[in-house]
């Protein structure tokens, strides 16, 4: 499946929640990193930074249903986080945040693999 979705990096979510609490924000906040990410882009980043030998096969959403791998079509969303900036809270763009997250993950994986 290669569709765009919003992504929330947990590190940024925690900082945003703390910010909302400190600023006493009320109401609904969509705490997503600005932008969207395609599944293929995520896997390409993983292969670049973590495991260049990784392989996978791509499947179309319609084939998931046809092969009874899912009961219903997926819900794909691109959400806006307009309210956070209104109260002075800014989350990193998804390209920046996800690369940082994947770089940290790669360092941890390398620690485990190295004696």
PDB file of N, CA and C in Angstrom:
ATOM      1  N   UNK A   1       0.865  -1.168   0.000  1.00  0.00           N
ATOM      2  CA  UNK A   1       0.000   0.000   0.000  1.00  0.00           C
ATOM      3  C   UNK A   1       0.903   1.220   0.000  1.00  0.00           C
ATOM      4  N   UNK A   2       0.602   2.165  -0.832  1.00  0.00           N
ATOM      5  CA  UNK A   2       1.434   3.358  -0.918  1.00  0.00           C
ATOM      6  C   UNK A   2       0.542   4.591  -0.952  1.00  0.00           C
ATOM      7  N   UNK A   3       0.010   4.930   0.194  1.00  0.00           N
ATOM      8  CA  UNK A   3      -0.854   6.105   0.302  1.00  0.00           C
ATOM      9  C   UNK A   3      -0.267   7.058   1.332  1.00  0.00           C
ATOM     10  N   UNK A   4      -0.701   8.296   1.258  1.00  0.00           N
ATOM     11  CA  UNK A   4      -0.232   9.289   2.229  1.00  0.00           C
ATOM     12  C   UNK A   4      -1.073   9.227   3.495  1.00  0.00           C
ATOM     13  N   UNK A   5      -0.407   9.437   4.606  1.00  0.00           N
ATOM     14  CA  UNK A   5      -1.068   9.522   5.903  1.00  0.00           C
ATOM     15  C   UNK A   5      -0.351  10.548   6.761  1.00  0.00           C
ATOM     16  N   UNK A   6      -1.077  11.084   7.704  1.00  0.00           N
ATOM     17  CA  UNK A   6      -0.456  11.891   8.744  1.00  0.00           C
ATOM     18  C   UNK A   6       0.355  10.974   9.637  1.00  0.00           C
ATOM     19  N   UNK A   7       1.366  11.535  10.248  1.00  0.00           N
ATOM     20  CA  UNK A   7       2.212  10.773  11.156  1.00  0.00           C
ATOM     21  C   UNK A   7       2.434  11.615  12.404  1.00  0.00           C
ATOM     22  N   UNK A   8       2.447  10.958  13.545  1.00  0.00           N
ATOM     23  CA  UNK A   8       2.783  11.625  14.797  1.00  0.00           C
ATOM     24  C   UNK A   8       3.990  10.923  15.390  1.00  0.00           C
ATOM     25  N   UNK A   9       5.058  11.674  15.599  1.00  0.00           N
ATOM     26  CA  UNK A   9       6.247  11.152  16.259  1.00  0.00           C
ATOM     27  C   UNK A   9       6.024  11.323  17.760  1.00  0.00           C
ATOM     28  N   UNK A  10       6.129  10.232  18.516  1.00  0.00           N
ATOM     29  CA  UNK A  10       5.782  10.239  19.939  1.00  0.00           C
ATOM     30  C   UNK A  10       6.549  11.318  20.700  1.00  0.00           C
ATOM     31  N   UNK A  11       7.830  11.467  20.430  1.00  0.00           N
ATOM     32  CA  UNK A  11       8.635  12.496  21.103  1.00  0.00           C
ATOM     33  C   UNK A  11       8.009  13.881  20.923  1.00  0.00           C
ATOM     34  N   UNK A  12       7.542  14.173  19.720  1.00  0.00           N
ATOM     35  CA  UNK A  12       6.912  15.464  19.446  1.00  0.00           C
ATOM     36  C   UNK A  12       5.528  15.551  20.074  1.00  0.00           C
ATOM     37  N   UNK A  13       4.810  14.430  20.109  1.00  0.00           N
ATOM     38  CA  UNK A  13       3.495  14.393  20.749  1.00  0.00           C
ATOM     39  C   UNK A  13       3.608  14.727  22.228  1.00  0.00           C
ATOM     40  N   UNK A  14       4.573  14.114  22.901  1.00  0.00           N
ATOM     41  CA  UNK A  14       4.759  14.363  24.337  1.00  0.00           C
ATOM     42  C   UNK A  14       5.045  15.843  24.578  1.00  0.00           C
ATOM     43  N   UNK A  15       5.937  16.419  23.774  1.00  0.00           N
ATOM     44  CA  UNK A  15       6.256  17.844  23.924  1.00  0.00           C
ATOM     45  C   UNK A  15       5.017  18.711  23.670  1.00  0.00           C
ATOM     46  N   UNK A  16       4.205  18.334  22.681  1.00  0.00           N
ATOM     47  CA  UNK A  16       2.994  19.101  22.378  1.00  0.00           C
ATOM     48  C   UNK A  16       1.984  19.008  23.519  1.00  0.00           C
ATOM     49  N   UNK A  17       1.798  17.820  24.075  1.00  0.00           N
ATOM     50  CA  UNK A  17       0.856  17.644  25.191  1.00  0.00           C
ATOM     51  C   UNK A  17       1.309  18.465  26.394  1.00  0.00           C
ATOM     52  N   UNK A  18       2.591  18.419  26.697  1.00  0.00           N
ATOM     53  CA  UNK A  18       3.121  19.229  27.808  1.00  0.00           C
ATOM     54  C   UNK A  18       2.867  20.705  27.538  1.00  0.00           C
ATOM     55  N   UNK A  19       3.096  21.135  26.294  1.00  0.00           N
ATOM     56  CA  UNK A  19       2.854  22.532  25.930  1.00  0.00           C
ATOM     57  C   UNK A  19       1.401  22.935  26.098  1.00  0.00           C
ATOM     58  N   UNK A  20       0.481  22.070  25.673  1.00  0.00           N
ATOM     59  CA  UNK A  20      -0.951  22.365  25.813  1.00  0.00           C
ATOM     60  C   UNK A  20      -1.322  22.476  27.285  1.00  0.00           C
ATOM     61  N   UNK A  21      -0.787  21.583  28.109  1.00  0.00           N
ATOM     62  CA  UNK A  21      -1.069  21.633  29.550  1.00  0.00           C
ATOM     63  C   UNK A  21      -0.528  22.922  30.144  1.00  0.00           C
ATOM     64  N   UNK A  22       0.718  23.256  29.824  1.00  0.00           N
ATOM     65  CA  UNK A  22       1.331  24.471  30.374  1.00  0.00           C
ATOM     66  C   UNK A  22       0.584  25.726  29.945  1.00  0.00           C
ATOM     67  N   UNK A  23       0.072  25.733  28.720  1.00  0.00           N
ATOM     68  CA  UNK A  23      -0.644  26.910  28.212  1.00  0.00           C
ATOM     69  C   UNK A  23      -2.134  26.854  28.522  1.00  0.00           C
ATOM     70  N   UNK A  24      -2.529  25.785  29.214  1.00  0.00           N
ATOM     71  CA  UNK A  24      -3.926  25.579  29.591  1.00  0.00           C
ATOM     72  C   UNK A  24      -4.862  25.604  28.377  1.00  0.00           C
ATOM     73  N   UNK A  25      -4.405  24.981  27.302  1.00  0.00           N
ATOM     74  CA  UNK A  25      -5.216  24.896  26.094  1.00  0.00           C
ATOM     75  C   UNK A  25      -6.444  24.034  26.329  1.00  0.00           C
ATOM     76  N   UNK A  26      -7.535  24.399  25.710  1.00  0.00           N
ATOM     77  CA  UNK A  26      -8.770  23.619  25.837  1.00  0.00           C
ATOM     78  C   UNK A  26      -9.306  23.291  24.451  1.00  0.00           C
ATOM     79  N   UNK A  27     -10.069  22.237  24.385  1.00  0.00           N
ATOM     80  CA  UNK A  27     -10.673  21.850  23.113  1.00  0.00           C
ATOM     81  C   UNK A  27      -9.906  20.734  22.435  1.00  0.00           C
ATOM     82  N   UNK A  28     -10.180  20.561  21.161  1.00  0.00           N
ATOM     83  CA  UNK A  28      -9.582  19.478  20.379  1.00  0.00           C
ATOM     84  C   UNK A  28      -8.332  19.977  19.666  1.00  0.00           C
ATOM     85  N   UNK A  29      -7.255  19.230  19.819  1.00  0.00           N
ATOM     86  CA  UNK A  29      -5.999  19.522  19.128  1.00  0.00           C
ATOM     87  C   UNK A  29      -5.592  18.277  18.349  1.00  0.00           C
ATOM     88  N   UNK A  30      -5.297  18.430  17.093  1.00  0.00           N
ATOM     89  CA  UNK A  30      -4.782  17.322  16.286  1.00  0.00           C
ATOM     90  C   UNK A  30      -3.267  17.395  16.378  1.00  0.00           C
ATOM     91  N   UNK A  31      -2.684  16.551  17.199  1.00  0.00           N
ATOM     92  CA  UNK A  31      -1.234  16.590  17.428  1.00  0.00           C
ATOM     93  C   UNK A  31      -0.535  15.683  16.426  1.00  0.00           C
ATOM     94  N   UNK A  32      -0.421  16.174  15.192  1.00  0.00           N
ATOM     95  CA  UNK A  32       0.291  15.449  14.140  1.00  0.00           C
ATOM     96  C   UNK A  32       1.420  16.331  13.633  1.00  0.00           C
ATOM     97  N   UNK A  33       2.496  15.693  13.224  1.00  0.00           N
ATOM     98  CA  UNK A  33       3.583  16.455  12.619  1.00  0.00           C
ATOM     99  C   UNK A  33       3.091  16.979  11.272  1.00  0.00           C
ATOM    100  N   UNK A  34       3.382  18.238  10.951  1.00  0.00           N
ATOM    101  CA  UNK A  34       2.911  18.812   9.686  1.00  0.00           C
ATOM    102  C   UNK A  34       3.436  18.036   8.480  1.00  0.00           C
ATOM    103  N   UNK A  35       2.570  17.868   7.501  1.00  0.00           N
ATOM    104  CA  UNK A  35       2.928  17.149   6.290  1.00  0.00           C
ATOM    105  C   UNK A  35       2.344  15.749   6.306  1.00  0.00           C
ATOM    106  N   UNK A  36       2.719  14.971   5.318  1.00  0.00           N
ATOM    107  CA  UNK A  36       2.248  13.588   5.219  1.00  0.00           C
ATOM    108  C   UNK A  36       3.395  12.725   4.715  1.00  0.00           C
ATOM    109  N   UNK A  37       3.261  11.430   4.920  1.00  0.00           N
ATOM    110  CA  UNK A  37       4.318  10.492   4.536  1.00  0.00           C
ATOM    111  C   UNK A  37       3.679   9.317   3.810  1.00  0.00           C
ATOM    112  N   UNK A  38       4.284   8.912   2.719  1.00  0.00           N
ATOM    113  CA  UNK A  38       3.857   7.701   2.002  1.00  0.00           C
ATOM    114  C   UNK A  38       4.582   6.496   2.589  1.00  0.00           C
ATOM    115  N   UNK A  39       3.937   5.358   2.556  1.00  0.00           N
ATOM    116  CA  UNK A  39       4.543   4.137   3.089  1.00  0.00           C
ATOM    117  C   UNK A  39       5.875   3.831   2.409  1.00  0.00           C
ATOM    118  N   UNK A  40       5.942   4.013   1.096  1.00  0.00           N
ATOM    119  CA  UNK A  40       7.192   3.736   0.371  1.00  0.00           C
ATOM    120  C   UNK A  40       8.313   4.653   0.842  1.00  0.00           C
ATOM    121  N   UNK A  41       7.974   5.897   1.162  1.00  0.00           N
ATOM    122  CA  UNK A  41       8.996   6.830   1.658  1.00  0.00           C
ATOM    123  C   UNK A  41       9.512   6.392   3.022  1.00  0.00           C
ATOM    124  N   UNK A  42       8.624   5.902   3.856  1.00  0.00           N
ATOM    125  CA  UNK A  42       9.019   5.413   5.176  1.00  0.00           C
ATOM    126  C   UNK A  42       9.964   4.215   5.043  1.00  0.00           C
ATOM    127  N   UNK A  43       9.605   3.274   4.179  1.00  0.00           N
ATOM    128  CA  UNK A  43      10.448   2.095   3.984  1.00  0.00           C
ATOM    129  C   UNK A  43      11.785   2.492   3.355  1.00  0.00           C
ATOM    130  N   UNK A  44      11.779   3.428   2.426  1.00  0.00           N
ATOM    131  CA  UNK A  44      13.034   3.890   1.815  1.00  0.00           C
ATOM    132  C   UNK A  44      13.943   4.508   2.870  1.00  0.00           C
ATOM    133  N   UNK A  45      13.374   5.267   3.788  1.00  0.00           N
ATOM    134  CA  UNK A  45      14.153   5.867   4.867  1.00  0.00           C
ATOM    135  C   UNK A  45      14.725   4.779   5.778  1.00  0.00           C
ATOM    136  N   UNK A  46      13.923   3.786   6.088  1.00  0.00           N
ATOM    137  CA  UNK A  46      14.383   2.653   6.897  1.00  0.00           C
ATOM    138  C   UNK A  46      15.550   1.946   6.205  1.00  0.00           C
ATOM    139  N   UNK A  47      15.415   1.700   4.925  1.00  0.00           N
ATOM    140  CA  UNK A  47      16.474   1.012   4.185  1.00  0.00           C
ATOM    141  C   UNK A  47      17.737   1.864   4.095  1.00  0.00           C
ATOM    142  N   UNK A  48      17.571   3.172   3.963  1.00  0.00           N
ATOM    143  CA  UNK A  48      18.724   4.077   3.903  1.00  0.00           C
ATOM    144  C   UNK A  48      19.477   4.124   5.229  1.00  0.00           C
ATOM    145  N   UNK A  49      18.747   4.223   6.329  1.00  0.00           N
ATOM    146  CA  UNK A  49      19.376   4.494   7.620  1.00  0.00           C
ATOM    147  C   UNK A  49      19.565   3.269   8.515  1.00  0.00           C
ATOM    148  N   UNK A  50      18.736   2.266   8.356  1.00  0.00           N
ATOM    149  CA  UNK A  50      18.762   1.139   9.296  1.00  0.00           C
ATOM    150  C   UNK A  50      19.243  -0.153   8.642  1.00  0.00           C
ATOM    151  N   UNK A  51      18.579  -0.574   7.587  1.00  0.00           N
ATOM    152  CA  UNK A  51      18.874  -1.892   7.018  1.00  0.00           C
ATOM    153  C   UNK A  51      18.775  -1.872   5.496  1.00  0.00           C
ATOM    154  N   UNK A  52      19.905  -1.646   4.817  1.00  0.00           N
ATOM    155  CA  UNK A  52      19.882  -1.598   3.356  1.00  0.00           C
ATOM    156  C   UNK A  52      19.543  -2.943   2.704  1.00  0.00           C
ATOM    157  N   UNK A  53      19.581  -4.025   3.474  1.00  0.00           N
ATOM    158  CA  UNK A  53      19.252  -5.340   2.911  1.00  0.00           C
ATOM    159  C   UNK A  53      17.770  -5.683   3.041  1.00  0.00           C
ATOM    160  N   UNK A  54      17.014  -4.811   3.677  1.00  0.00           N
ATOM    161  CA  UNK A  54      15.585  -5.057   3.875  1.00  0.00           C
ATOM    162  C   UNK A  54      14.875  -5.194   2.525  1.00  0.00           C
ATOM    163  N   UNK A  55      13.987  -6.161   2.437  1.00  0.00           N
ATOM    164  CA  UNK A  55      13.157  -6.311   1.242  1.00  0.00           C
ATOM    165  C   UNK A  55      11.707  -6.482   1.671  1.00  0.00           C
ATOM    166  N   UNK A  56      10.819  -6.133   0.795  1.00  0.00           N
ATOM    167  CA  UNK A  56       9.396  -6.324   1.051  1.00  0.00           C
ATOM    168  C   UNK A  56       8.660  -6.374  -0.282  1.00  0.00           C
ATOM    169  N   UNK A  57       7.420  -6.759  -0.230  1.00  0.00           N
ATOM    170  CA  UNK A  57       6.568  -6.761  -1.410  1.00  0.00           C
ATOM    171  C   UNK A  57       5.425  -5.787  -1.164  1.00  0.00           C
ATOM    172  N   UNK A  58       5.068  -5.050  -2.206  1.00  0.00           N
ATOM    173  CA  UNK A  58       3.984  -4.083  -2.088  1.00  0.00           C
ATOM    174  C   UNK A  58       2.697  -4.710  -2.587  1.00  0.00           C
ATOM    175  N   UNK A  59       1.607  -4.335  -1.948  1.00  0.00           N
ATOM    176  CA  UNK A  59       0.292  -4.840  -2.320  1.00  0.00           C
ATOM    177  C   UNK A  59      -0.651  -3.648  -2.453  1.00  0.00           C
ATOM    178  N   UNK A  60      -1.556  -3.733  -3.388  1.00  0.00           N
ATOM    179  CA  UNK A  60      -2.548  -2.677  -3.569  1.00  0.00           C
ATOM    180  C   UNK A  60      -3.666  -2.859  -2.543  1.00  0.00           C
ATOM    181  N   UNK A  61      -4.269  -1.759  -2.159  1.00  0.00           N
ATOM    182  CA  UNK A  61      -5.331  -1.830  -1.153  1.00  0.00           C
ATOM    183  C   UNK A  61      -6.469  -2.753  -1.591  1.00  0.00           C
ATOM    184  N   UNK A  62      -6.835  -2.684  -2.858  1.00  0.00           N
ATOM    185  CA  UNK A  62      -7.920  -3.542  -3.359  1.00  0.00           C
ATOM    186  C   UNK A  62      -7.564  -5.024  -3.222  1.00  0.00           C
ATOM    187  N   UNK A  63      -6.262  -5.333  -3.327  1.00  0.00           N
ATOM    188  CA  UNK A  63      -5.825  -6.725  -3.198  1.00  0.00           C
ATOM    189  C   UNK A  63      -5.882  -7.210  -1.746  1.00  0.00           C
ATOM    190  N   UNK A  64      -5.732  -6.291  -0.804  1.00  0.00           N
ATOM    191  CA  UNK A  64      -5.893  -6.670   0.605  1.00  0.00           C
ATOM    192  C   UNK A  64      -7.286  -7.241   0.837  1.00  0.00           C
ATOM    193  N   UNK A  65      -8.277  -6.557   0.292  1.00  0.00           N
ATOM    194  CA  UNK A  65      -9.665  -7.024   0.421  1.00  0.00           C
ATOM    195  C   UNK A  65      -9.876  -8.313  -0.367  1.00  0.00           C
ATOM    196  N   UNK A  66      -9.398  -8.339  -1.600  1.00  0.00           N
ATOM    197  CA  UNK A  66      -9.610  -9.502  -2.468  1.00  0.00           C
ATOM    198  C   UNK A  66      -8.995 -10.766  -1.874  1.00  0.00           C
ATOM    199  N   UNK A  67      -7.872 -10.628  -1.187  1.00  0.00           N
ATOM    200  CA  UNK A  67      -7.191 -11.784  -0.602  1.00  0.00           C
ATOM    201  C   UNK A  67      -7.625 -12.037   0.849  1.00  0.00           C
ATOM    202  N   UNK A  68      -8.653 -11.306   1.291  1.00  0.00           N
ATOM    203  CA  UNK A  68      -9.193 -11.442   2.650  1.00  0.00           C
ATOM    204  C   UNK A  68      -8.132 -11.202   3.728  1.00  0.00           C
ATOM    205  N   UNK A  69      -7.207 -10.298   3.447  1.00  0.00           N
ATOM    206  CA  UNK A  69      -6.186  -9.937   4.434  1.00  0.00           C
ATOM    207  C   UNK A  69      -6.696  -8.869   5.392  1.00  0.00           C
ATOM    208  N   UNK A  70      -7.757  -8.173   4.998  1.00  0.00           N
ATOM    209  CA  UNK A  70      -8.424  -7.194   5.859  1.00  0.00           C
ATOM    210  C   UNK A  70      -9.933  -7.347   5.665  1.00  0.00           C
ATOM    211  N   UNK A  71     -10.689  -6.906   6.660  1.00  0.00           N
ATOM    212  CA  UNK A  71     -12.145  -6.997   6.570  1.00  0.00           C
ATOM    213  C   UNK A  71     -12.746  -5.788   5.862  1.00  0.00           C
ATOM    214  N   UNK A  72     -12.068  -4.642   5.961  1.00  0.00           N
ATOM    215  CA  UNK A  72     -12.573  -3.397   5.379  1.00  0.00           C
ATOM    216  C   UNK A  72     -11.410  -2.616   4.796  1.00  0.00           C
ATOM    217  N   UNK A  73     -11.743  -1.624   3.968  1.00  0.00           N
ATOM    218  CA  UNK A  73     -10.682  -0.762   3.449  1.00  0.00           C
ATOM    219  C   UNK A  73     -10.096   0.056   4.584  1.00  0.00           C
ATOM    220  N   UNK A  74      -8.877   0.468   4.402  1.00  0.00           N
ATOM    221  CA  UNK A  74      -8.180   1.241   5.426  1.00  0.00           C
ATOM    222  C   UNK A  74      -8.673   2.684   5.432  1.00  0.00           C
ATOM    223  N   UNK A  75      -8.547   3.306   6.576  1.00  0.00           N
ATOM    224  CA  UNK A  75      -8.832   4.726   6.697  1.00  0.00           C
ATOM    225  C   UNK A  75      -7.506   5.467   6.626  1.00  0.00           C
ATOM    226  N   UNK A  76      -7.333   6.245   5.595  1.00  0.00           N
ATOM    227  CA  UNK A  76      -6.112   7.025   5.429  1.00  0.00           C
ATOM    228  C   UNK A  76      -6.466   8.491   5.617  1.00  0.00           C
ATOM    229  N   UNK A  77      -5.652   9.179   6.401  1.00  0.00           N
ATOM    230  CA  UNK A  77      -5.979  10.555   6.771  1.00  0.00           C
ATOM    231  C   UNK A  77      -4.768  11.461   6.683  1.00  0.00           C
ATOM    232  N   UNK A  78      -5.029  12.680   6.265  1.00  0.00           N
ATOM    233  CA  UNK A  78      -4.031  13.733   6.390  1.00  0.00           C
ATOM    234  C   UNK A  78      -4.698  14.808   7.233  1.00  0.00           C
ATOM    235  N   UNK A  79      -4.239  14.906   8.466  1.00  0.00           N
ATOM    236  CA  UNK A  79      -4.845  15.827   9.423  1.00  0.00           C
ATOM    237  C   UNK A  79      -4.038  17.121   9.502  1.00  0.00           C
ATOM    238  N   UNK A  80      -4.701  18.166   9.888  1.00  0.00           N
ATOM    239  CA  UNK A  80      -4.063  19.467  10.085  1.00  0.00           C
ATOM    240  C   UNK A  80      -3.963  19.742  11.582  1.00  0.00           C
ATOM    241  N   UNK A  81      -2.883  20.363  11.999  1.00  0.00           N
ATOM    242  CA  UNK A  81      -2.743  20.706  13.425  1.00  0.00           C
ATOM    243  C   UNK A  81      -2.755  22.224  13.603  1.00  0.00           C
ATOM    244  N   UNK A  82      -3.725  22.873  13.015  1.00  0.00           N
ATOM    245  CA  UNK A  82      -3.792  24.341  13.025  1.00  0.00           C
ATOM    246  C   UNK A  82      -3.904  24.942  14.426  1.00  0.00           C
ATOM    247  N   UNK A  83      -4.536  24.252  15.344  1.00  0.00           N
ATOM    248  CA  UNK A  83      -4.770  24.843  16.666  1.00  0.00           C
ATOM    249  C   UNK A  83      -3.504  24.932  17.501  1.00  0.00           C
ATOM    250  N   UNK A  84      -2.588  23.985  17.344  1.00  0.00           N
ATOM    251  CA  UNK A  84      -1.351  24.037  18.132  1.00  0.00           C
ATOM    252  C   UNK A  84      -0.561  25.316  17.856  1.00  0.00           C
ATOM    253  N   UNK A  85      -0.279  25.651  16.596  1.00  0.00           N
ATOM    254  CA  UNK A  85       0.454  26.898  16.350  1.00  0.00           C
ATOM    255  C   UNK A  85      -0.284  28.146  16.853  1.00  0.00           C
ATOM    256  N   UNK A  86      -1.611  28.084  16.881  1.00  0.00           N
ATOM    257  CA  UNK A  86      -2.388  29.227  17.385  1.00  0.00           C
ATOM    258  C   UNK A  86      -2.063  29.540  18.835  1.00  0.00           C
ATOM    259  N   UNK A  87      -1.644  28.520  19.607  1.00  0.00           N
ATOM    260  CA  UNK A  87      -1.281  28.779  21.007  1.00  0.00           C
ATOM    261  C   UNK A  87       0.239  28.719  21.214  1.00  0.00           C
ATOM    262  N   UNK A  88       0.972  28.752  20.095  1.00  0.00           N
ATOM    263  CA  UNK A  88       2.434  28.841  20.186  1.00  0.00           C
ATOM    264  C   UNK A  88       3.176  27.518  20.263  1.00  0.00           C
ATOM    265  N   UNK A  89       2.526  26.433  19.885  1.00  0.00           N
ATOM    266  CA  UNK A  89       3.176  25.119  19.916  1.00  0.00           C
ATOM    267  C   UNK A  89       3.411  24.665  18.479  1.00  0.00           C
ATOM    268  N   UNK A  90       4.652  24.339  18.177  1.00  0.00           N
ATOM    269  CA  UNK A  90       5.009  23.948  16.811  1.00  0.00           C
ATOM    270  C   UNK A  90       5.675  22.579  16.825  1.00  0.00           C
ATOM    271  N   UNK A  91       5.137  21.678  16.031  1.00  0.00           N
ATOM    272  CA  UNK A  91       5.733  20.347  15.877  1.00  0.00           C
ATOM    273  C   UNK A  91       6.607  20.362  14.620  1.00  0.00           C
ATOM    274  N   UNK A  92       7.654  19.556  14.624  1.00  0.00           N
ATOM    275  CA  UNK A  92       8.571  19.522  13.485  1.00  0.00           C
ATOM    276  C   UNK A  92       7.871  18.954  12.248  1.00  0.00           C
ATOM    277  N   UNK A  93       8.252  19.439  11.057  1.00  0.00           N
ATOM    278  CA  UNK A  93       7.708  18.837   9.834  1.00  0.00           C
ATOM    279  C   UNK A  93       8.012  17.337   9.818  1.00  0.00           C
ATOM    280  N   UNK A  94       7.117  16.543   9.252  1.00  0.00           N
ATOM    281  CA  UNK A  94       7.262  15.097   9.325  1.00  0.00           C
ATOM    282  C   UNK A  94       8.559  14.602   8.703  1.00  0.00           C
ATOM    283  N   UNK A  95       9.013  15.208   7.624  1.00  0.00           N
ATOM    284  CA  UNK A  95      10.265  14.772   7.006  1.00  0.00           C
ATOM    285  C   UNK A  95      11.442  14.895   7.951  1.00  0.00           C
ATOM    286  N   UNK A  96      11.499  15.986   8.689  1.00  0.00           N
ATOM    287  CA  UNK A  96      12.577  16.233   9.654  1.00  0.00           C
ATOM    288  C   UNK A  96      12.429  15.304  10.859  1.00  0.00           C
ATOM    289  N   UNK A  97      11.224  15.240  11.402  1.00  0.00           N
ATOM    290  CA  UNK A  97      10.984  14.455  12.619  1.00  0.00           C
ATOM    291  C   UNK A  97      11.179  12.960  12.383  1.00  0.00           C
ATOM    292  N   UNK A  98      10.693  12.460  11.263  1.00  0.00           N
ATOM    293  CA  UNK A  98      10.808  11.031  10.995  1.00  0.00           C
ATOM    294  C   UNK A  98      12.256  10.633  10.716  1.00  0.00           C
ATOM    295  N   UNK A  99      13.000  11.475  10.006  1.00  0.00           N
ATOM    296  CA  UNK A  99      14.422  11.186   9.768  1.00  0.00           C
ATOM    297  C   UNK A  99      15.163  11.144  11.106  1.00  0.00           C
ATOM    298  N   UNK A 100      14.897  12.104  11.974  1.00  0.00           N
ATOM    299  CA  UNK A 100      15.538  12.128  13.288  1.00  0.00           C
ATOM    300  C   UNK A 100      15.192  10.859  14.074  1.00  0.00           C
ATOM    301  N   UNK A 101      13.932  10.486  14.063  1.00  0.00           N
ATOM    302  CA  UNK A 101      13.478   9.281  14.766  1.00  0.00           C
ATOM    303  C   UNK A 101      14.171   8.038  14.209  1.00  0.00           C
ATOM    304  N   UNK A 102      14.246   7.928  12.899  1.00  0.00           N
ATOM    305  CA  UNK A 102      14.863   6.761  12.274  1.00  0.00           C
ATOM    306  C   UNK A 102      16.372   6.730  12.527  1.00  0.00           C
ATOM    307  N   UNK A 103      17.017   7.901  12.563  1.00  0.00           N
ATOM    308  CA  UNK A 103      18.450   7.949  12.881  1.00  0.00           C
ATOM    309  C   UNK A 103      18.701   7.463  14.305  1.00  0.00           C
ATOM    310  N   UNK A 104      17.853   7.875  15.238  1.00  0.00           N
ATOM    311  CA  UNK A 104      17.978   7.412  16.627  1.00  0.00           C
ATOM    312  C   UNK A 104      17.759   5.905  16.709  1.00  0.00           C
ATOM    313  N   UNK A 105      16.777   5.420  15.989  1.00  0.00           N
ATOM    314  CA  UNK A 105      16.505   3.982  15.976  1.00  0.00           C
ATOM    315  C   UNK A 105      17.706   3.221  15.415  1.00  0.00           C
ATOM    316  N   UNK A 106      18.286   3.720  14.337  1.00  0.00           N
ATOM    317  CA  UNK A 106      19.448   3.066  13.722  1.00  0.00           C
ATOM    318  C   UNK A 106      20.609   2.994  14.706  1.00  0.00           C
ATOM    319  N   UNK A 107      20.824   4.062  15.467  1.00  0.00           N
ATOM    320  CA  UNK A 107      21.902   4.042  16.467  1.00  0.00           C
ATOM    321  C   UNK A 107      21.644   2.969  17.522  1.00  0.00           C
ATOM    322  N   UNK A 108      20.405   2.832  17.961  1.00  0.00           N
ATOM    323  CA  UNK A 108      20.061   1.813  18.957  1.00  0.00           C
ATOM    324  C   UNK A 108      20.241   0.404  18.390  1.00  0.00           C
ATOM    325  N   UNK A 109      19.817   0.197  17.167  1.00  0.00           N
ATOM    326  CA  UNK A 109      19.972  -1.111  16.532  1.00  0.00           C
ATOM    327  C   UNK A 109      21.453  -1.453  16.415  1.00  0.00           C
ATOM    328  N   UNK A 110      22.270  -0.478  16.032  1.00  0.00           N
ATOM    329  CA  UNK A 110      23.710  -0.718  15.894  1.00  0.00           C
ATOM    330  C   UNK A 110      24.358  -1.033  17.235  1.00  0.00           C
ATOM    331  N   UNK A 111      23.866  -0.427  18.317  1.00  0.00           N
ATOM    332  CA  UNK A 111      24.388  -0.730  19.658  1.00  0.00           C
ATOM    333  C   UNK A 111      24.150  -2.194  20.009  1.00  0.00           C
ATOM    334  N   UNK A 112      22.958  -2.663  19.710  1.00  0.00           N
ATOM    335  CA  UNK A 112      22.584  -4.037  20.036  1.00  0.00           C
ATOM    336  C   UNK A 112      23.390  -5.028  19.199  1.00  0.00           C
ATOM    337  N   UNK A 113      23.618  -4.709  17.932  1.00  0.00           N
ATOM    338  CA  UNK A 113      24.326  -5.619  17.039  1.00  0.00           C
ATOM    339  C   UNK A 113      25.830  -5.618  17.266  1.00  0.00           C
ATOM    340  N   UNK A 114      26.373  -4.528  17.819  1.00  0.00           N
ATOM    341  CA  UNK A 114      27.813  -4.442  18.075  1.00  0.00           C
ATOM    342  C   UNK A 114      28.112  -4.946  19.481  1.00  0.00           C
ATOM    343  N   UNK A 115      29.168  -5.775  19.625  1.00  0.00           N
ATOM    344  CA  UNK A 115      29.496  -6.276  20.980  1.00  0.00           C
ATOM    345  C   UNK A 115      30.053  -5.194  21.866  1.00  0.00           C
TER     346      UNK A 115
END
